[in-house]
């Protein structure tokens, strides 16, 4: 018999208090919802909170999934902050100038290699070639690279971009 809510709770007594079966309370006890040695008041508080969650349409699995998503989002935010701190990521705003610079350097190296190749072929075979035979293909490939860089920028900044292609065209 329950004398007061501050008494040490038993499964049978609590089942009678809330009007449910002892098996139902036993199940919740084995799942760790209720802790042995606590009072009826403590168990009642836990029980009512669970009923509220269930009434709101949130099951244990749903609540656990919500908590897991929140924890994952928090972990990702912390990971991103650390990545920024250690300069392992590039901010979208810094992406465009970095890619323009990189593609210009690539263009310079590729075109220099193309010119050297053209000169070596002409010198070795004592012939004169039209530059476009070699350099035209290289320019086209560099244009494709610049277009891909523009698309990468546009995707990450969510705004159209043609600055890398423009930089290649002005130097090419």
C-alpha atoms as a PDB file:
ATOM      1  CA  UNK A   1       0.000   0.000   0.000  1.00  0.00           C
ATOM      2  CA  UNK A   2       1.332   3.432  -0.977  1.00  0.00           C
ATOM      3  CA  UNK A   3       1.463   5.848   1.959  1.00  0.00           C
ATOM      4  CA  UNK A   4       2.921   8.836   0.088  1.00  0.00           C
ATOM      5  CA  UNK A   5       4.697   9.846  -3.088  1.00  0.00           C
ATOM      6  CA  UNK A   6       7.963  10.181  -1.174  1.00  0.00           C
ATOM      7  CA  UNK A   7       7.957   6.451  -0.334  1.00  0.00           C
ATOM      8  CA  UNK A   8      10.419   4.145  -2.067  1.00  0.00           C
ATOM      9  CA  UNK A   9       8.683   2.968  -5.273  1.00  0.00           C
ATOM     10  CA  UNK A  10       7.883  -0.647  -6.120  1.00  0.00           C
ATOM     11  CA  UNK A  11       6.826  -1.917  -9.519  1.00  0.00           C
ATOM     12  CA  UNK A  12       3.534  -3.351  -8.237  1.00  0.00           C
ATOM     13  CA  UNK A  13       2.717  -0.228  -6.214  1.00  0.00           C
ATOM     14  CA  UNK A  14       3.469   2.076  -9.131  1.00  0.00           C
ATOM     15  CA  UNK A  15       1.374  -0.042 -11.507  1.00  0.00           C
ATOM     16  CA  UNK A  16      -1.594   0.335  -9.109  1.00  0.00           C
ATOM     17  CA  UNK A  17      -0.903   4.096  -8.753  1.00  0.00           C
ATOM     18  CA  UNK A  18      -1.042   4.816 -12.490  1.00  0.00           C
ATOM     19  CA  UNK A  19      -3.620   2.148 -13.330  1.00  0.00           C
ATOM     20  CA  UNK A  20      -1.555  -0.047 -15.621  1.00  0.00           C
ATOM     21  CA  UNK A  21      -0.225  -3.602 -15.525  1.00  0.00           C
ATOM     22  CA  UNK A  22       2.790  -4.638 -13.508  1.00  0.00           C
ATOM     23  CA  UNK A  23       4.237  -6.126 -16.727  1.00  0.00           C
ATOM     24  CA  UNK A  24       4.151  -2.697 -18.382  1.00  0.00           C
ATOM     25  CA  UNK A  25       6.010  -1.139 -15.468  1.00  0.00           C
ATOM     26  CA  UNK A  26       8.423  -4.078 -15.320  1.00  0.00           C
ATOM     27  CA  UNK A  27       9.243  -3.550 -19.001  1.00  0.00           C
ATOM     28  CA  UNK A  28       9.955   0.139 -18.452  1.00  0.00           C
ATOM     29  CA  UNK A  29      12.035  -0.738 -15.390  1.00  0.00           C
ATOM     30  CA  UNK A  30      14.134  -3.235 -17.392  1.00  0.00           C
ATOM     31  CA  UNK A  31      14.621  -0.588 -20.120  1.00  0.00           C
ATOM     32  CA  UNK A  32      16.113   1.704 -17.494  1.00  0.00           C
ATOM     33  CA  UNK A  33      13.258   4.194 -17.441  1.00  0.00           C
ATOM     34  CA  UNK A  34      12.808   3.693 -13.701  1.00  0.00           C
ATOM     35  CA  UNK A  35      15.649   3.340 -11.212  1.00  0.00           C
ATOM     36  CA  UNK A  36      15.419   1.112  -8.151  1.00  0.00           C
ATOM     37  CA  UNK A  37      15.493   3.050  -4.908  1.00  0.00           C
ATOM     38  CA  UNK A  38      13.754   6.132  -6.290  1.00  0.00           C
ATOM     39  CA  UNK A  39      10.456   7.445  -4.961  1.00  0.00           C
ATOM     40  CA  UNK A  40       6.991   7.251  -6.458  1.00  0.00           C
ATOM     41  CA  UNK A  41       7.289  10.995  -7.130  1.00  0.00           C
ATOM     42  CA  UNK A  42      10.444  10.489  -9.199  1.00  0.00           C
ATOM     43  CA  UNK A  43       8.904   7.605 -11.162  1.00  0.00           C
ATOM     44  CA  UNK A  44       5.708   9.577 -11.677  1.00  0.00           C
ATOM     45  CA  UNK A  45       7.682  12.507 -13.109  1.00  0.00           C
ATOM     46  CA  UNK A  46       9.482  10.210 -15.561  1.00  0.00           C
ATOM     47  CA  UNK A  47       6.243   8.457 -16.454  1.00  0.00           C
ATOM     48  CA  UNK A  48       4.378  11.720 -17.127  1.00  0.00           C
ATOM     49  CA  UNK A  49       7.243  13.087 -19.266  1.00  0.00           C
ATOM     50  CA  UNK A  50       7.131   9.930 -21.363  1.00  0.00           C
ATOM     51  CA  UNK A  51       3.348  10.171 -21.727  1.00  0.00           C
ATOM     52  CA  UNK A  52       3.738  13.792 -22.871  1.00  0.00           C
ATOM     53  CA  UNK A  53       6.324  12.804 -25.475  1.00  0.00           C
ATOM     54  CA  UNK A  54       4.146   9.978 -26.720  1.00  0.00           C
ATOM     55  CA  UNK A  55       1.096  12.261 -26.835  1.00  0.00           C
ATOM     56  CA  UNK A  56       3.125  14.744 -28.880  1.00  0.00           C
ATOM     57  CA  UNK A  57       3.863  11.944 -31.334  1.00  0.00           C
ATOM     58  CA  UNK A  58       7.470  11.432 -30.315  1.00  0.00           C
ATOM     59  CA  UNK A  59       8.377   7.838 -29.614  1.00  0.00           C
ATOM     60  CA  UNK A  60      11.616   6.785 -27.954  1.00  0.00           C
ATOM     61  CA  UNK A  61      13.060   5.925 -31.353  1.00  0.00           C
ATOM     62  CA  UNK A  62      12.047   9.291 -32.793  1.00  0.00           C
ATOM     63  CA  UNK A  63      13.455  11.150 -29.810  1.00  0.00           C
ATOM     64  CA  UNK A  64      16.673   9.153 -30.029  1.00  0.00           C
ATOM     65  CA  UNK A  65      16.891   9.915 -33.761  1.00  0.00           C
ATOM     66  CA  UNK A  66      16.330  13.622 -33.109  1.00  0.00           C
ATOM     67  CA  UNK A  67      19.021  13.613 -30.435  1.00  0.00           C
ATOM     68  CA  UNK A  68      21.401  11.716 -32.716  1.00  0.00           C
ATOM     69  CA  UNK A  69      20.837  14.213 -35.563  1.00  0.00           C
ATOM     70  CA  UNK A  70      21.447  17.131 -33.204  1.00  0.00           C
ATOM     71  CA  UNK A  71      24.615  15.527 -31.872  1.00  0.00           C
ATOM     72  CA  UNK A  72      25.840  14.773 -35.398  1.00  0.00           C
ATOM     73  CA  UNK A  73      25.140  18.343 -36.530  1.00  0.00           C
ATOM     74  CA  UNK A  74      27.001  19.686 -33.502  1.00  0.00           C
ATOM     75  CA  UNK A  75      29.948  17.365 -34.174  1.00  0.00           C
ATOM     76  CA  UNK A  76      30.045  18.486 -37.823  1.00  0.00           C
ATOM     77  CA  UNK A  77      29.972  22.162 -36.792  1.00  0.00           C
ATOM     78  CA  UNK A  78      32.840  21.561 -34.381  1.00  0.00           C
ATOM     79  CA  UNK A  79      34.776  19.646 -37.042  1.00  0.00           C
ATOM     80  CA  UNK A  80      34.256  22.473 -39.539  1.00  0.00           C
ATOM     81  CA  UNK A  81      35.431  25.051 -37.006  1.00  0.00           C
ATOM     82  CA  UNK A  82      38.566  23.016 -36.315  1.00  0.00           C
ATOM     83  CA  UNK A  83      39.149  22.596 -40.055  1.00  0.00           C
ATOM     84  CA  UNK A  84      38.890  26.367 -40.476  1.00  0.00           C
ATOM     85  CA  UNK A  85      41.199  26.939 -37.528  1.00  0.00           C
ATOM     86  CA  UNK A  86      43.845  24.631 -39.000  1.00  0.00           C
ATOM     87  CA  UNK A  87      43.245  26.020 -42.509  1.00  0.00           C
ATOM     88  CA  UNK A  88      42.138  22.664 -43.904  1.00  0.00           C
ATOM     89  CA  UNK A  89      39.162  24.181 -45.738  1.00  0.00           C
ATOM     90  CA  UNK A  90      38.764  27.112 -48.093  1.00  0.00           C
ATOM     91  CA  UNK A  91      35.897  29.526 -47.531  1.00  0.00           C
ATOM     92  CA  UNK A  92      33.642  29.859 -50.587  1.00  0.00           C
ATOM     93  CA  UNK A  93      34.509  33.557 -50.772  1.00  0.00           C
ATOM     94  CA  UNK A  94      38.221  32.669 -51.082  1.00  0.00           C
ATOM     95  CA  UNK A  95      37.635  29.931 -53.644  1.00  0.00           C
ATOM     96  CA  UNK A  96      37.351  32.155 -56.728  1.00  0.00           C
ATOM     97  CA  UNK A  97      40.644  34.070 -56.396  1.00  0.00           C
ATOM     98  CA  UNK A  98      42.475  30.873 -55.447  1.00  0.00           C
ATOM     99  CA  UNK A  99      41.181  29.040 -58.525  1.00  0.00           C
ATOM    100  CA  UNK A 100      41.877  32.006 -60.838  1.00  0.00           C
ATOM    101  CA  UNK A 101      45.473  32.062 -59.599  1.00  0.00           C
ATOM    102  CA  UNK A 102      45.861  28.282 -59.851  1.00  0.00           C
ATOM    103  CA  UNK A 103      44.434  28.046 -63.366  1.00  0.00           C
ATOM    104  CA  UNK A 104      46.606  30.970 -64.545  1.00  0.00           C
ATOM    105  CA  UNK A 105      49.676  29.132 -63.221  1.00  0.00           C
ATOM    106  CA  UNK A 106      48.570  25.926 -64.938  1.00  0.00           C
ATOM    107  CA  UNK A 107      47.956  27.830 -68.174  1.00  0.00           C
ATOM    108  CA  UNK A 108      51.400  29.385 -68.064  1.00  0.00           C
ATOM    109  CA  UNK A 109      53.139  26.053 -67.443  1.00  0.00           C
ATOM    110  CA  UNK A 110      51.110  24.154 -70.065  1.00  0.00           C
ATOM    111  CA  UNK A 111      51.562  26.796 -72.762  1.00  0.00           C
ATOM    112  CA  UNK A 112      55.301  27.041 -72.007  1.00  0.00           C
ATOM    113  CA  UNK A 113      55.587  23.257 -72.324  1.00  0.00           C
ATOM    114  CA  UNK A 114      53.597  23.414 -75.583  1.00  0.00           C
ATOM    115  CA  UNK A 115      55.878  26.114 -77.020  1.00  0.00           C
ATOM    116  CA  UNK A 116      59.000  24.157 -76.005  1.00  0.00           C
ATOM    117  CA  UNK A 117      57.557  21.001 -77.572  1.00  0.00           C
ATOM    118  CA  UNK A 118      56.756  22.885 -80.770  1.00  0.00           C
ATOM    119  CA  UNK A 119      60.263  24.356 -80.920  1.00  0.00           C
ATOM    120  CA  UNK A 120      61.859  20.959 -80.244  1.00  0.00           C
ATOM    121  CA  UNK A 121      59.865  19.297 -83.061  1.00  0.00           C
ATOM    122  CA  UNK A 122      60.650  22.120 -85.490  1.00  0.00           C
ATOM    123  CA  UNK A 123      64.360  22.065 -84.577  1.00  0.00           C
ATOM    124  CA  UNK A 124      64.751  18.290 -84.698  1.00  0.00           C
ATOM    125  CA  UNK A 125      62.958  17.873 -88.023  1.00  0.00           C
ATOM    126  CA  UNK A 126      63.974  21.213 -89.604  1.00  0.00           C
ATOM    127  CA  UNK A 127      60.382  22.115 -90.316  1.00  0.00           C
ATOM    128  CA  UNK A 128      58.031  24.947 -89.526  1.00  0.00           C
ATOM    129  CA  UNK A 129      54.654  24.011 -87.955  1.00  0.00           C
ATOM    130  CA  UNK A 130      51.514  26.024 -87.516  1.00  0.00           C
ATOM    131  CA  UNK A 131      51.333  26.821 -83.765  1.00  0.00           C
ATOM    132  CA  UNK A 132      47.651  25.916 -83.673  1.00  0.00           C
ATOM    133  CA  UNK A 133      48.424  22.253 -84.395  1.00  0.00           C
ATOM    134  CA  UNK A 134      49.685  21.871 -80.845  1.00  0.00           C
ATOM    135  CA  UNK A 135      48.829  25.026 -78.959  1.00  0.00           C
ATOM    136  CA  UNK A 136      45.201  25.125 -80.166  1.00  0.00           C
ATOM    137  CA  UNK A 137      44.463  21.795 -78.502  1.00  0.00           C
ATOM    138  CA  UNK A 138      46.178  22.929 -75.323  1.00  0.00           C
ATOM    139  CA  UNK A 139      44.154  26.170 -75.261  1.00  0.00           C
ATOM    140  CA  UNK A 140      40.948  24.181 -75.711  1.00  0.00           C
ATOM    141  CA  UNK A 141      41.882  21.859 -72.830  1.00  0.00           C
ATOM    142  CA  UNK A 142      42.738  24.839 -70.627  1.00  0.00           C
ATOM    143  CA  UNK A 143      39.371  26.390 -71.519  1.00  0.00           C
ATOM    144  CA  UNK A 144      37.648  23.206 -70.349  1.00  0.00           C
ATOM    145  CA  UNK A 145      39.610  23.292 -67.096  1.00  0.00           C
ATOM    146  CA  UNK A 146      38.638  26.944 -66.562  1.00  0.00           C
ATOM    147  CA  UNK A 147      34.998  26.126 -67.295  1.00  0.00           C
ATOM    148  CA  UNK A 148      35.096  23.353 -64.691  1.00  0.00           C
ATOM    149  CA  UNK A 149      36.617  25.769 -62.171  1.00  0.00           C
ATOM    150  CA  UNK A 150      33.845  28.288 -62.909  1.00  0.00           C
ATOM    151  CA  UNK A 151      31.252  25.545 -62.353  1.00  0.00           C
ATOM    152  CA  UNK A 152      32.908  24.542 -59.069  1.00  0.00           C
ATOM    153  CA  UNK A 153      32.799  28.137 -57.865  1.00  0.00           C
ATOM    154  CA  UNK A 154      29.183  28.562 -58.970  1.00  0.00           C
ATOM    155  CA  UNK A 155      28.166  25.373 -57.173  1.00  0.00           C
ATOM    156  CA  UNK A 156      29.868  26.341 -53.916  1.00  0.00           C
ATOM    157  CA  UNK A 157      28.896  30.009 -53.878  1.00  0.00           C
ATOM    158  CA  UNK A 158      25.432  29.513 -55.403  1.00  0.00           C
ATOM    159  CA  UNK A 159      26.033  32.330 -57.875  1.00  0.00           C
ATOM    160  CA  UNK A 160      27.081  32.253 -61.550  1.00  0.00           C
ATOM    161  CA  UNK A 161      30.792  32.563 -62.256  1.00  0.00           C
ATOM    162  CA  UNK A 162      32.899  33.074 -65.388  1.00  0.00           C
ATOM    163  CA  UNK A 163      35.937  34.746 -63.844  1.00  0.00           C
ATOM    164  CA  UNK A 164      38.313  31.817 -64.281  1.00  0.00           C
ATOM    165  CA  UNK A 165      37.372  31.420 -67.961  1.00  0.00           C
ATOM    166  CA  UNK A 166      37.747  35.178 -68.427  1.00  0.00           C
ATOM    167  CA  UNK A 167      41.199  35.129 -66.835  1.00  0.00           C
ATOM    168  CA  UNK A 168      42.319  32.301 -69.132  1.00  0.00           C
ATOM    169  CA  UNK A 169      40.916  34.034 -72.202  1.00  0.00           C
ATOM    170  CA  UNK A 170      42.646  37.317 -71.354  1.00  0.00           C
ATOM    171  CA  UNK A 171      46.002  35.562 -70.859  1.00  0.00           C
ATOM    172  CA  UNK A 172      45.628  32.932 -73.564  1.00  0.00           C
END
